[in-house]
């Protein structure tokens, strides 16, 4: 699977646009699945990101998994060499 991480994702807009893009859709077909991880510590922004990325995940027909981690990005919990893109 392709794993994309955004540190400080605010409302999740960048990851949502990326997930909806033709490029990521084509990549997903090649790798079978895409995982998006959004790190957002702001308690006002994290719910918005969760809602938006949940909607995008629902539209993906199973090839996309999205999660919001309500903390600052530290890299803890990510497997070594498991992230393909960090923004």
PDB file of N, CA and C in Angstrom:
ATOM      1  N   UNK A   1       0.822  -1.213   0.000  1.00  0.00           N
ATOM      2  CA  UNK A   1       0.000   0.000   0.000  1.00  0.00           C
ATOM      3  C   UNK A   1       0.857   1.264   0.000  1.00  0.00           C
ATOM      4  N   UNK A   2       0.308   2.303  -0.558  1.00  0.00           N
ATOM      5  CA  UNK A   2       0.918   3.623  -0.553  1.00  0.00           C
ATOM      6  C   UNK A   2       0.472   4.321   0.718  1.00  0.00           C
ATOM      7  N   UNK A   3       1.405   4.936   1.475  1.00  0.00           N
ATOM      8  CA  UNK A   3       1.063   5.590   2.733  1.00  0.00           C
ATOM      9  C   UNK A   3       1.498   7.051   2.659  1.00  0.00           C
ATOM     10  N   UNK A   4       0.535   7.948   2.815  1.00  0.00           N
ATOM     11  CA  UNK A   4       0.786   9.383   2.772  1.00  0.00           C
ATOM     12  C   UNK A   4       0.446   9.964   4.133  1.00  0.00           C
ATOM     13  N   UNK A   5       1.350  10.774   4.673  1.00  0.00           N
ATOM     14  CA  UNK A   5       1.182  11.385   5.985  1.00  0.00           C
ATOM     15  C   UNK A   5       1.236  12.897   5.826  1.00  0.00           C
ATOM     16  N   UNK A   6       0.311  13.586   6.474  1.00  0.00           N
ATOM     17  CA  UNK A   6       0.383  15.044   6.525  1.00  0.00           C
ATOM     18  C   UNK A   6       0.460  15.466   7.986  1.00  0.00           C
ATOM     19  N   UNK A   7       1.498  16.207   8.307  1.00  0.00           N
ATOM     20  CA  UNK A   7       1.694  16.711   9.665  1.00  0.00           C
ATOM     21  C   UNK A   7       1.083  18.104   9.748  1.00  0.00           C
ATOM     22  N   UNK A   8       0.095  18.269  10.596  1.00  0.00           N
ATOM     23  CA  UNK A   8      -0.607  19.542  10.681  1.00  0.00           C
ATOM     24  C   UNK A   8      -1.572  19.698   9.535  1.00  0.00           C
ATOM     25  N   UNK A   9      -2.530  18.795   9.436  1.00  0.00           N
ATOM     26  CA  UNK A   9      -3.404  18.746   8.257  1.00  0.00           C
ATOM     27  C   UNK A   9      -4.597  19.693   8.338  1.00  0.00           C
ATOM     28  N   UNK A  10      -4.740  20.436   9.438  1.00  0.00           N
ATOM     29  CA  UNK A  10      -5.864  21.381   9.612  1.00  0.00           C
ATOM     30  C   UNK A  10      -7.179  20.657   9.339  1.00  0.00           C
ATOM     31  N   UNK A  11      -7.945  21.109   8.382  1.00  0.00           N
ATOM     32  CA  UNK A  11      -9.243  20.495   8.097  1.00  0.00           C
ATOM     33  C   UNK A  11      -9.189  19.329   7.136  1.00  0.00           C
ATOM     34  N   UNK A  12      -7.990  18.927   6.728  1.00  0.00           N
ATOM     35  CA  UNK A  12      -7.846  17.768   5.841  1.00  0.00           C
ATOM     36  C   UNK A  12      -8.014  18.066   4.369  1.00  0.00           C
ATOM     37  N   UNK A  13      -8.033  19.349   3.993  1.00  0.00           N
ATOM     38  CA  UNK A  13      -8.324  19.710   2.603  1.00  0.00           C
ATOM     39  C   UNK A  13      -7.272  19.222   1.608  1.00  0.00           C
ATOM     40  N   UNK A  14      -5.989  19.346   1.950  1.00  0.00           N
ATOM     41  CA  UNK A  14      -4.942  18.891   1.033  1.00  0.00           C
ATOM     42  C   UNK A  14      -5.057  17.393   0.769  1.00  0.00           C
ATOM     43  N   UNK A  15      -5.207  16.616   1.828  1.00  0.00           N
ATOM     44  CA  UNK A  15      -5.319  15.165   1.650  1.00  0.00           C
ATOM     45  C   UNK A  15      -6.583  14.799   0.888  1.00  0.00           C
ATOM     46  N   UNK A  16      -7.670  15.519   1.116  1.00  0.00           N
ATOM     47  CA  UNK A  16      -8.928  15.239   0.408  1.00  0.00           C
ATOM     48  C   UNK A  16      -8.771  15.509  -1.080  1.00  0.00           C
ATOM     49  N   UNK A  17      -8.164  16.634  -1.431  1.00  0.00           N
ATOM     50  CA  UNK A  17      -7.945  16.957  -2.848  1.00  0.00           C
ATOM     51  C   UNK A  17      -7.008  15.935  -3.475  1.00  0.00           C
ATOM     52  N   UNK A  18      -5.968  15.574  -2.763  1.00  0.00           N
ATOM     53  CA  UNK A  18      -5.028  14.572  -3.259  1.00  0.00           C
ATOM     54  C   UNK A  18      -5.739  13.239  -3.493  1.00  0.00           C
ATOM     55  N   UNK A  19      -6.559  12.835  -2.552  1.00  0.00           N
ATOM     56  CA  UNK A  19      -7.269  11.561  -2.675  1.00  0.00           C
ATOM     57  C   UNK A  19      -8.237  11.562  -3.856  1.00  0.00           C
ATOM     58  N   UNK A  20      -8.821  12.704  -4.141  1.00  0.00           N
ATOM     59  CA  UNK A  20      -9.775  12.796  -5.248  1.00  0.00           C
ATOM     60  C   UNK A  20      -9.090  12.953  -6.602  1.00  0.00           C
ATOM     61  N   UNK A  21      -7.803  13.204  -6.593  1.00  0.00           N
ATOM     62  CA  UNK A  21      -7.087  13.482  -7.835  1.00  0.00           C
ATOM     63  C   UNK A  21      -6.969  12.239  -8.712  1.00  0.00           C
ATOM     64  N   UNK A  22      -6.907  12.473  -9.978  1.00  0.00           N
ATOM     65  CA  UNK A  22      -6.757  11.393 -10.953  1.00  0.00           C
ATOM     66  C   UNK A  22      -5.450  10.644 -10.726  1.00  0.00           C
ATOM     67  N   UNK A  23      -4.386  11.377 -10.402  1.00  0.00           N
ATOM     68  CA  UNK A  23      -3.082  10.757 -10.193  1.00  0.00           C
ATOM     69  C   UNK A  23      -3.132   9.719  -9.080  1.00  0.00           C
ATOM     70  N   UNK A  24      -3.731  10.075  -7.957  1.00  0.00           N
ATOM     71  CA  UNK A  24      -3.792   9.127  -6.843  1.00  0.00           C
ATOM     72  C   UNK A  24      -4.712   7.958  -7.179  1.00  0.00           C
ATOM     73  N   UNK A  25      -5.774   8.207  -7.921  1.00  0.00           N
ATOM     74  CA  UNK A  25      -6.650   7.116  -8.334  1.00  0.00           C
ATOM     75  C   UNK A  25      -5.898   6.113  -9.207  1.00  0.00           C
ATOM     76  N   UNK A  26      -5.092   6.623 -10.124  1.00  0.00           N
ATOM     77  CA  UNK A  26      -4.291   5.734 -10.973  1.00  0.00           C
ATOM     78  C   UNK A  26      -3.258   4.966 -10.144  1.00  0.00           C
ATOM     79  N   UNK A  27      -2.632   5.651  -9.201  1.00  0.00           N
ATOM     80  CA  UNK A  27      -1.644   5.006  -8.332  1.00  0.00           C
ATOM     81  C   UNK A  27      -2.310   3.917  -7.504  1.00  0.00           C
ATOM     82  N   UNK A  28      -3.500   4.195  -7.005  1.00  0.00           N
ATOM     83  CA  UNK A  28      -4.214   3.224  -6.176  1.00  0.00           C
ATOM     84  C   UNK A  28      -4.490   1.943  -6.946  1.00  0.00           C
ATOM     85  N   UNK A  29      -4.793   2.071  -8.219  1.00  0.00           N
ATOM     86  CA  UNK A  29      -5.022   0.861  -9.020  1.00  0.00           C
ATOM     87  C   UNK A  29      -3.759   0.013  -9.090  1.00  0.00           C
ATOM     88  N   UNK A  30      -2.612   0.683  -9.142  1.00  0.00           N
ATOM     89  CA  UNK A  30      -1.339  -0.042  -9.252  1.00  0.00           C
ATOM     90  C   UNK A  30      -0.934  -0.686  -7.928  1.00  0.00           C
ATOM     91  N   UNK A  31      -1.211  -0.017  -6.812  1.00  0.00           N
ATOM     92  CA  UNK A  31      -0.762  -0.531  -5.522  1.00  0.00           C
ATOM     93  C   UNK A  31      -1.881  -1.175  -4.706  1.00  0.00           C
ATOM     94  N   UNK A  32      -3.070  -1.137  -5.189  1.00  0.00           N
ATOM     95  CA  UNK A  32      -4.275  -1.724  -4.598  1.00  0.00           C
ATOM     96  C   UNK A  32      -4.852  -0.979  -3.408  1.00  0.00           C
ATOM     97  N   UNK A  33      -4.041  -0.218  -2.675  1.00  0.00           N
ATOM     98  CA  UNK A  33      -4.620   0.529  -1.568  1.00  0.00           C
ATOM     99  C   UNK A  33      -3.758   1.741  -1.215  1.00  0.00           C
ATOM    100  N   UNK A  34      -4.430   2.730  -0.648  1.00  0.00           N
ATOM    101  CA  UNK A  34      -3.765   3.951  -0.220  1.00  0.00           C
ATOM    102  C   UNK A  34      -4.199   4.232   1.210  1.00  0.00           C
ATOM    103  N   UNK A  35      -3.232   4.604   2.031  1.00  0.00           N
ATOM    104  CA  UNK A  35      -3.500   4.958   3.420  1.00  0.00           C
ATOM    105  C   UNK A  35      -3.108   6.417   3.624  1.00  0.00           C
ATOM    106  N   UNK A  36      -4.045   7.214   4.139  1.00  0.00           N
ATOM    107  CA  UNK A  36      -3.782   8.609   4.462  1.00  0.00           C
ATOM    108  C   UNK A  36      -3.802   8.763   5.976  1.00  0.00           C
ATOM    109  N   UNK A  37      -2.777   9.390   6.528  1.00  0.00           N
ATOM    110  CA  UNK A  37      -2.733   9.680   7.956  1.00  0.00           C
ATOM    111  C   UNK A  37      -2.602  11.186   8.128  1.00  0.00           C
ATOM    112  N   UNK A  38      -3.529  11.752   8.859  1.00  0.00           N
ATOM    113  CA  UNK A  38      -3.590  13.186   9.097  1.00  0.00           C
ATOM    114  C   UNK A  38      -3.305  13.431  10.569  1.00  0.00           C
ATOM    115  N   UNK A  39      -2.222  14.133  10.858  1.00  0.00           N
ATOM    116  CA  UNK A  39      -1.892  14.478  12.242  1.00  0.00           C
ATOM    117  C   UNK A  39      -2.347  15.901  12.497  1.00  0.00           C
ATOM    118  N   UNK A  40      -3.290  16.074  13.412  1.00  0.00           N
ATOM    119  CA  UNK A  40      -3.813  17.401  13.732  1.00  0.00           C
ATOM    120  C   UNK A  40      -4.105  17.483  15.225  1.00  0.00           C
ATOM    121  N   UNK A  41      -3.346  18.325  15.923  1.00  0.00           N
ATOM    122  CA  UNK A  41      -3.489  18.447  17.380  1.00  0.00           C
ATOM    123  C   UNK A  41      -4.555  19.455  17.788  1.00  0.00           C
ATOM    124  N   UNK A  42      -4.944  20.349  16.895  1.00  0.00           N
ATOM    125  CA  UNK A  42      -5.928  21.390  17.231  1.00  0.00           C
ATOM    126  C   UNK A  42      -7.303  20.748  17.416  1.00  0.00           C
ATOM    127  N   UNK A  43      -7.875  20.842  18.613  1.00  0.00           N
ATOM    128  CA  UNK A  43      -9.163  20.190  18.868  1.00  0.00           C
ATOM    129  C   UNK A  43     -10.321  20.782  18.058  1.00  0.00           C
ATOM    130  N   UNK A  44     -10.138  21.962  17.504  1.00  0.00           N
ATOM    131  CA  UNK A  44     -11.182  22.556  16.658  1.00  0.00           C
ATOM    132  C   UNK A  44     -11.074  22.083  15.208  1.00  0.00           C
ATOM    133  N   UNK A  45      -9.877  21.755  14.764  1.00  0.00           N
ATOM    134  CA  UNK A  45      -9.665  21.366  13.372  1.00  0.00           C
ATOM    135  C   UNK A  45      -9.777  19.854  13.146  1.00  0.00           C
ATOM    136  N   UNK A  46      -9.373  19.054  14.117  1.00  0.00           N
ATOM    137  CA  UNK A  46      -9.363  17.597  13.943  1.00  0.00           C
ATOM    138  C   UNK A  46     -10.738  17.024  13.578  1.00  0.00           C
ATOM    139  N   UNK A  47     -11.837  17.469  14.207  1.00  0.00           N
ATOM    140  CA  UNK A  47     -13.146  16.924  13.808  1.00  0.00           C
ATOM    141  C   UNK A  47     -13.511  17.246  12.356  1.00  0.00           C
ATOM    142  N   UNK A  48     -13.133  18.429  11.894  1.00  0.00           N
ATOM    143  CA  UNK A  48     -13.409  18.788  10.496  1.00  0.00           C
ATOM    144  C   UNK A  48     -12.634  17.881   9.552  1.00  0.00           C
ATOM    145  N   UNK A  49     -11.378  17.608   9.897  1.00  0.00           N
ATOM    146  CA  UNK A  49     -10.562  16.705   9.085  1.00  0.00           C
ATOM    147  C   UNK A  49     -11.155  15.300   9.087  1.00  0.00           C
ATOM    148  N   UNK A  50     -11.585  14.834  10.248  1.00  0.00           N
ATOM    149  CA  UNK A  50     -12.187  13.503  10.363  1.00  0.00           C
ATOM    150  C   UNK A  50     -13.428  13.394   9.481  1.00  0.00           C
ATOM    151  N   UNK A  51     -14.253  14.420   9.502  1.00  0.00           N
ATOM    152  CA  UNK A  51     -15.480  14.411   8.696  1.00  0.00           C
ATOM    153  C   UNK A  51     -15.165  14.396   7.200  1.00  0.00           C
ATOM    154  N   UNK A  52     -14.292  15.295   6.770  1.00  0.00           N
ATOM    155  CA  UNK A  52     -13.959  15.391   5.347  1.00  0.00           C
ATOM    156  C   UNK A  52     -13.279  14.127   4.840  1.00  0.00           C
ATOM    157  N   UNK A  53     -12.284  13.640   5.560  1.00  0.00           N
ATOM    158  CA  UNK A  53     -11.582  12.441   5.109  1.00  0.00           C
ATOM    159  C   UNK A  53     -12.471  11.207   5.187  1.00  0.00           C
ATOM    160  N   UNK A  54     -13.394  11.187   6.128  1.00  0.00           N
ATOM    161  CA  UNK A  54     -14.369  10.096   6.186  1.00  0.00           C
ATOM    162  C   UNK A  54     -15.255  10.074   4.954  1.00  0.00           C
ATOM    163  N   UNK A  55     -15.656  11.248   4.487  1.00  0.00           N
ATOM    164  CA  UNK A  55     -16.466  11.335   3.274  1.00  0.00           C
ATOM    165  C   UNK A  55     -15.685  10.853   2.058  1.00  0.00           C
ATOM    166  N   UNK A  56     -14.427  11.279   1.966  1.00  0.00           N
ATOM    167  CA  UNK A  56     -13.586  10.860   0.843  1.00  0.00           C
ATOM    168  C   UNK A  56     -13.370   9.345   0.890  1.00  0.00           C
ATOM    169  N   UNK A  57     -13.127   8.810   2.066  1.00  0.00           N
ATOM    170  CA  UNK A  57     -12.935   7.365   2.206  1.00  0.00           C
ATOM    171  C   UNK A  57     -14.184   6.615   1.765  1.00  0.00           C
ATOM    172  N   UNK A  58     -15.344   7.112   2.131  1.00  0.00           N
ATOM    173  CA  UNK A  58     -16.604   6.461   1.740  1.00  0.00           C
ATOM    174  C   UNK A  58     -16.779   6.430   0.230  1.00  0.00           C
ATOM    175  N   UNK A  59     -16.315   7.474  -0.443  1.00  0.00           N
ATOM    176  CA  UNK A  59     -16.446   7.558  -1.901  1.00  0.00           C
ATOM    177  C   UNK A  59     -15.413   6.711  -2.633  1.00  0.00           C
ATOM    178  N   UNK A  60     -14.415   6.210  -1.929  1.00  0.00           N
ATOM    179  CA  UNK A  60     -13.290   5.533  -2.583  1.00  0.00           C
ATOM    180  C   UNK A  60     -13.567   4.093  -2.996  1.00  0.00           C
ATOM    181  N   UNK A  61     -14.665   3.542  -2.591  1.00  0.00           N
ATOM    182  CA  UNK A  61     -15.008   2.154  -2.924  1.00  0.00           C
ATOM    183  C   UNK A  61     -13.979   1.156  -2.395  1.00  0.00           C
ATOM    184  N   UNK A  62     -13.396   1.485  -1.231  1.00  0.00           N
ATOM    185  CA  UNK A  62     -12.537   0.527  -0.558  1.00  0.00           C
ATOM    186  C   UNK A  62     -11.050   0.640  -0.781  1.00  0.00           C
ATOM    187  N   UNK A  63     -10.584   1.402  -1.763  1.00  0.00           N
ATOM    188  CA  UNK A  63      -9.145   1.465  -2.004  1.00  0.00           C
ATOM    189  C   UNK A  63      -8.422   2.448  -1.093  1.00  0.00           C
ATOM    190  N   UNK A  64      -9.171   3.289  -0.368  1.00  0.00           N
ATOM    191  CA  UNK A  64      -8.564   4.315   0.468  1.00  0.00           C
ATOM    192  C   UNK A  64      -8.941   4.132   1.930  1.00  0.00           C
ATOM    193  N   UNK A  65      -7.936   4.213   2.800  1.00  0.00           N
ATOM    194  CA  UNK A  65      -8.152   4.233   4.240  1.00  0.00           C
ATOM    195  C   UNK A  65      -7.609   5.555   4.760  1.00  0.00           C
ATOM    196  N   UNK A  66      -8.402   6.275   5.537  1.00  0.00           N
ATOM    197  CA  UNK A  66      -7.969   7.563   6.070  1.00  0.00           C
ATOM    198  C   UNK A  66      -8.152   7.567   7.581  1.00  0.00           C
ATOM    199  N   UNK A  67      -7.198   8.202   8.265  1.00  0.00           N
ATOM    200  CA  UNK A  67      -7.314   8.315   9.717  1.00  0.00           C
ATOM    201  C   UNK A  67      -6.795   9.677  10.150  1.00  0.00           C
ATOM    202  N   UNK A  68      -7.377  10.175  11.210  1.00  0.00           N
ATOM    203  CA  UNK A  68      -6.930  11.419  11.812  1.00  0.00           C
ATOM    204  C   UNK A  68      -6.347  11.077  13.179  1.00  0.00           C
ATOM    205  N   UNK A  69      -5.115  11.492  13.395  1.00  0.00           N
ATOM    206  CA  UNK A  69      -4.440  11.286  14.667  1.00  0.00           C
ATOM    207  C   UNK A  69      -4.437  12.634  15.376  1.00  0.00           C
ATOM    208  N   UNK A  70      -5.086  12.691  16.520  1.00  0.00           N
ATOM    209  CA  UNK A  70      -5.255  13.973  17.218  1.00  0.00           C
ATOM    210  C   UNK A  70      -4.053  14.262  18.122  1.00  0.00           C
ATOM    211  N   UNK A  71      -2.925  14.486  17.484  1.00  0.00           N
ATOM    212  CA  UNK A  71      -1.706  14.836  18.200  1.00  0.00           C
ATOM    213  C   UNK A  71      -0.729  15.473  17.219  1.00  0.00           C
ATOM    214  N   UNK A  72       0.335  16.032  17.771  1.00  0.00           N
ATOM    215  CA  UNK A  72       1.405  16.533  16.928  1.00  0.00           C
ATOM    216  C   UNK A  72       2.103  15.358  16.259  1.00  0.00           C
ATOM    217  N   UNK A  73       2.663  15.591  15.101  1.00  0.00           N
ATOM    218  CA  UNK A  73       3.385  14.540  14.397  1.00  0.00           C
ATOM    219  C   UNK A  73       4.723  14.285  15.089  1.00  0.00           C
ATOM    220  N   UNK A  74       4.938  13.050  15.481  1.00  0.00           N
ATOM    221  CA  UNK A  74       6.207  12.654  16.079  1.00  0.00           C
ATOM    222  C   UNK A  74       6.830  11.467  15.352  1.00  0.00           C
ATOM    223  N   UNK A  75       6.042  10.797  14.547  1.00  0.00           N
ATOM    224  CA  UNK A  75       6.528   9.600  13.874  1.00  0.00           C
ATOM    225  C   UNK A  75       6.320   8.339  14.690  1.00  0.00           C
ATOM    226  N   UNK A  76       5.944   8.489  15.954  1.00  0.00           N
ATOM    227  CA  UNK A  76       5.687   7.333  16.800  1.00  0.00           C
ATOM    228  C   UNK A  76       4.498   6.559  16.242  1.00  0.00           C
ATOM    229  N   UNK A  77       4.633   5.271  16.161  1.00  0.00           N
ATOM    230  CA  UNK A  77       3.550   4.434  15.667  1.00  0.00           C
ATOM    231  C   UNK A  77       3.618   4.156  14.183  1.00  0.00           C
ATOM    232  N   UNK A  78       4.520   4.818  13.481  1.00  0.00           N
ATOM    233  CA  UNK A  78       4.702   4.547  12.057  1.00  0.00           C
ATOM    234  C   UNK A  78       5.859   3.570  11.899  1.00  0.00           C
ATOM    235  N   UNK A  79       5.647   2.559  11.114  1.00  0.00           N
ATOM    236  CA  UNK A  79       6.689   1.571  10.887  1.00  0.00           C
ATOM    237  C   UNK A  79       7.821   2.186  10.066  1.00  0.00           C
ATOM    238  N   UNK A  80       9.072   1.817  10.331  1.00  0.00           N
ATOM    239  CA  UNK A  80      10.192   2.326   9.539  1.00  0.00           C
ATOM    240  C   UNK A  80       9.982   2.035   8.052  1.00  0.00           C
ATOM    241  N   UNK A  81      10.283   3.018   7.240  1.00  0.00           N
ATOM    242  CA  UNK A  81      10.188   2.914   5.775  1.00  0.00           C
ATOM    243  C   UNK A  81       8.768   2.618   5.300  1.00  0.00           C
ATOM    244  N   UNK A  82       7.766   2.992   6.092  1.00  0.00           N
ATOM    245  CA  UNK A  82       6.388   2.705   5.682  1.00  0.00           C
ATOM    246  C   UNK A  82       5.679   3.907   5.078  1.00  0.00           C
ATOM    247  N   UNK A  83       6.327   5.071   5.088  1.00  0.00           N
ATOM    248  CA  UNK A  83       5.684   6.281   4.592  1.00  0.00           C
ATOM    249  C   UNK A  83       6.292   6.653   3.237  1.00  0.00           C
ATOM    250  N   UNK A  84       5.424   6.873   2.262  1.00  0.00           N
ATOM    251  CA  UNK A  84       5.878   7.200   0.921  1.00  0.00           C
ATOM    252  C   UNK A  84       5.932   8.697   0.643  1.00  0.00           C
ATOM    253  N   UNK A  85       5.096   9.477   1.349  1.00  0.00           N
ATOM    254  CA  UNK A  85       5.086  10.923   1.148  1.00  0.00           C
ATOM    255  C   UNK A  85       4.673  11.584   2.457  1.00  0.00           C
ATOM    256  N   UNK A  86       5.438  12.597   2.871  1.00  0.00           N
ATOM    257  CA  UNK A  86       5.100  13.385   4.056  1.00  0.00           C
ATOM    258  C   UNK A  86       4.972  14.826   3.601  1.00  0.00           C
ATOM    259  N   UNK A  87       3.884  15.461   4.014  1.00  0.00           N
ATOM    260  CA  UNK A  87       3.693  16.853   3.639  1.00  0.00           C
ATOM    261  C   UNK A  87       3.482  17.677   4.887  1.00  0.00           C
TER     262      UNK A  87
END
